[in-house]
Amino acid sequence: MDRIIGIDYGRKRTGLAVSDPLGIFASALDTVHSAKIIDYIKNYAAAERIIRFVVGYPRNLDGRPSEAAADVDAFLKVLAKAFPDIPVTLEDERFTSVLAHRAMIDGGMKASDRRDKASVDRISAAIILQGYLDRASGNGTSFAVDMDSVPDSRSVNVTRKKRRKI
């Protein structure tokens, strides 16, 4: 079955997500040590047909590539060499970690589990991939983030206090 792979590449860890066969939903797949990512994807490709990679691309608030973009650029070269026939789409990854934390809080995940960076990477990859899938389906959903809706440390603490009262 055809699958699209979402990738949140990091220097140490890489979060992966996968689409359903119809390309509607993204699901968190795994977190892999970045040095082993190509081998992991090759093994996955042996079981499933990958038709596209959607890679999160780090940008600053002004839209310019961030310092981490150099690492992603190097990874993109390795990915293209390993999978020359599979197209790659770059997706803005600004705020995906914040949105991943918010999703974990909203989903009722325990605070101790939310500290697991591997979980954040997987969920971030799913957010990156879902943004692509939403636009590709033409449903008008955009990955634009309203800065007023991005939680800061005070809103997280308020959420924790509310949970304690309940």
Protein backbone atom coordinates (compact mmCIF):
# COMPACT_ATOMS: atom_id res chain seq x y z
CA MET A 1 0.00 0.00 0.00
CA ASP A 2 1.14 3.53 -0.71
CA ARG A 3 2.46 5.48 2.25
CA ILE A 4 3.82 8.96 2.81
CA ILE A 5 6.49 9.29 5.48
CA GLY A 6 6.76 12.38 7.67
CA ILE A 7 10.19 13.12 9.09
CA ASP A 8 11.17 15.43 11.94
CA TYR A 9 14.95 15.22 11.60
CA GLY A 10 17.17 16.12 14.52
CA ARG A 11 20.87 15.82 15.22
CA LYS A 12 20.32 13.04 17.78
CA ARG A 13 16.84 11.67 17.15
CA THR A 14 14.45 11.61 14.22
CA GLY A 15 10.71 11.36 14.64
CA LEU A 16 8.78 9.47 11.98
CA ALA A 17 5.13 9.44 11.03
CA VAL A 18 3.25 7.59 8.33
CA SER A 19 0.08 8.26 6.37
CA ASP A 20 -2.78 5.83 6.07
CA PRO A 21 -3.03 4.18 2.60
CA LEU A 22 -5.55 6.82 1.43
CA GLY A 23 -3.29 9.72 2.45
CA ILE A 24 -5.83 11.25 4.82
CA PHE A 25 -4.44 10.70 8.32
CA ALA A 26 -0.96 10.87 9.78
CA SER A 27 0.05 8.58 12.63
CA ALA A 28 3.17 8.74 14.75
CA LEU A 29 5.38 5.82 13.75
CA ASP A 30 8.66 5.73 15.66
CA THR A 31 11.67 7.66 16.91
CA VAL A 32 15.02 6.50 15.59
CA HIS A 33 18.61 7.51 16.32
CA SER A 34 19.48 9.84 13.44
CA ALA A 35 22.56 7.84 12.45
CA LYS A 36 20.28 4.84 11.75
CA ILE A 37 17.43 6.61 9.97
CA ILE A 38 18.25 5.52 6.41
CA ASP A 39 18.50 1.85 7.43
CA TYR A 40 15.20 2.13 9.29
CA ILE A 41 13.45 3.64 6.26
CA LYS A 42 14.94 0.98 3.96
CA ASN A 43 13.54 -1.74 6.22
CA TYR A 44 10.17 -0.01 6.29
CA ALA A 45 10.21 0.36 2.50
CA ALA A 46 10.69 -3.40 2.17
CA ALA A 47 7.19 -3.88 3.65
CA GLU A 48 5.36 -0.74 2.46
CA ARG A 49 5.55 1.32 -0.73
CA ILE A 50 6.74 4.85 0.09
CA ILE A 51 5.51 7.39 -2.46
CA ARG A 52 6.76 10.61 -0.80
CA PHE A 53 8.78 11.99 2.07
CA VAL A 54 7.59 15.09 3.90
CA VAL A 55 10.50 16.54 5.85
CA GLY A 56 10.14 19.24 8.48
CA TYR A 57 12.33 22.20 7.62
CA PRO A 58 13.42 24.46 10.49
CA ARG A 59 12.84 28.17 9.98
CA ASN A 60 13.15 31.25 12.15
CA LEU A 61 10.12 33.41 12.88
CA ASP A 62 11.06 35.65 9.94
CA GLY A 63 10.88 32.66 7.57
CA ARG A 64 14.60 32.29 6.98
CA PRO A 65 16.22 28.87 7.57
CA SER A 66 17.40 28.42 11.14
CA GLU A 67 20.80 27.12 12.24
CA ALA A 68 19.40 23.58 12.37
CA ALA A 69 18.56 23.79 8.66
CA ALA A 70 22.17 22.90 7.81
CA ASP A 71 21.69 19.51 9.50
CA VAL A 72 18.45 18.94 7.60
CA ASP A 73 20.12 19.95 4.32
CA ALA A 74 22.84 17.34 4.90
CA PHE A 75 20.18 14.73 5.70
CA LEU A 76 18.23 15.62 2.55
CA LYS A 77 21.28 14.84 0.43
CA VAL A 78 21.68 11.43 2.05
CA LEU A 79 17.93 10.75 1.72
CA ALA A 80 17.95 11.69 -1.99
CA LYS A 81 20.93 9.42 -2.60
CA ALA A 82 19.32 6.47 -0.78
CA PHE A 83 15.86 6.97 -2.36
CA PRO A 84 16.41 8.79 -5.67
CA ASP A 85 12.95 7.96 -7.07
CA ILE A 86 10.90 9.16 -4.11
CA PRO A 87 9.98 12.87 -4.10
CA VAL A 88 10.65 15.01 -1.03
CA THR A 89 8.47 17.88 0.13
CA LEU A 90 9.74 20.33 2.72
CA GLU A 91 7.24 21.40 5.35
CA ASP A 92 7.60 24.31 7.76
CA GLU A 93 8.22 22.84 11.20
CA ARG A 94 7.94 25.99 13.29
CA PHE A 95 6.06 25.37 16.53
CA THR A 96 5.62 21.63 15.96
CA SER A 97 7.26 20.78 19.30
CA VAL A 98 4.98 23.23 21.10
CA LEU A 99 1.95 21.80 19.30
CA ALA A 100 3.10 18.28 20.14
CA HIS A 101 3.30 19.17 23.84
CA ARG A 102 -0.15 20.74 23.64
CA ALA A 103 -1.53 17.59 21.99
CA MET A 104 -0.02 15.44 24.74
CA ILE A 105 -1.55 17.66 27.43
CA ASP A 106 -4.93 17.71 25.71
CA GLY A 107 -4.74 13.94 25.31
CA GLY A 108 -4.28 13.53 29.05
CA MET A 109 -0.71 12.24 28.91
CA LYS A 110 1.03 12.22 32.28
CA ALA A 111 3.69 14.86 32.88
CA SER A 112 6.36 12.19 33.28
CA ASP A 113 5.47 10.76 29.85
CA ARG A 114 5.49 14.24 28.27
CA ARG A 115 9.16 14.61 29.24
CA ASP A 116 10.08 11.79 26.86
CA LYS A 117 11.66 13.64 23.93
CA ALA A 118 11.17 10.63 21.65
CA SER A 119 7.40 11.00 22.05
CA VAL A 120 7.61 14.68 21.18
CA ASP A 121 9.63 13.87 18.03
CA ARG A 122 7.10 11.26 16.85
CA ILE A 123 4.14 13.53 17.44
CA SER A 124 5.96 16.45 15.77
CA ALA A 125 6.52 14.26 12.70
CA ALA A 126 2.80 13.44 12.66
CA ILE A 127 1.92 17.15 12.87
CA ILE A 128 4.31 17.93 10.00
CA LEU A 129 2.84 15.15 7.87
CA GLN A 130 -0.77 16.00 8.71
CA GLY A 131 -0.20 19.60 7.63
CA TYR A 132 1.01 18.37 4.26
CA LEU A 133 -1.86 15.88 3.90
CA ASP A 134 -4.45 18.52 4.72
CA ARG A 135 -3.16 20.90 2.07
CA ALA A 136 -2.67 18.12 -0.48
CA SER A 137 -6.29 17.03 -0.06
CA GLY A 138 -7.47 20.57 -0.77
CA ASN A 139 -9.55 20.87 2.36
CA GLY A 140 -8.12 24.33 2.98
CA THR A 141 -6.47 23.52 6.27
CA SER A 142 -3.29 25.46 6.77
CA PHE A 143 -0.38 24.91 9.10
CA ALA A 144 -0.27 28.60 9.92
CA VAL A 145 -0.05 29.04 13.67
CA ASP A 146 -1.84 31.78 15.55
CA MET A 147 0.79 32.99 18.01
CA ASP A 148 -1.95 33.78 20.55
CA SER A 149 -2.86 30.09 20.69
CA VAL A 150 0.70 28.90 21.34
CA PRO A 151 0.96 28.13 25.06
CA ASP A 152 3.61 29.69 27.20
CA SER A 153 4.86 28.35 30.50
CA ARG A 154 2.12 30.16 32.42
CA SER A 155 -0.70 28.53 30.44
CA VAL A 156 0.82 25.08 31.01
CA ASN A 157 0.96 25.74 34.74
CA VAL A 158 -2.64 26.91 34.74
CA THR A 159 -3.62 23.69 32.98
CA ARG A 160 -1.81 21.65 35.62
CA LYS A 161 -3.51 23.58 38.44
CA LYS A 162 -6.92 23.04 36.85
CA ARG A 163 -6.31 19.31 36.65
CA ARG A 164 -5.35 19.16 40.31
CA LYS A 165 -8.63 20.82 41.33
CA ILE A 166 -10.77 18.39 39.38
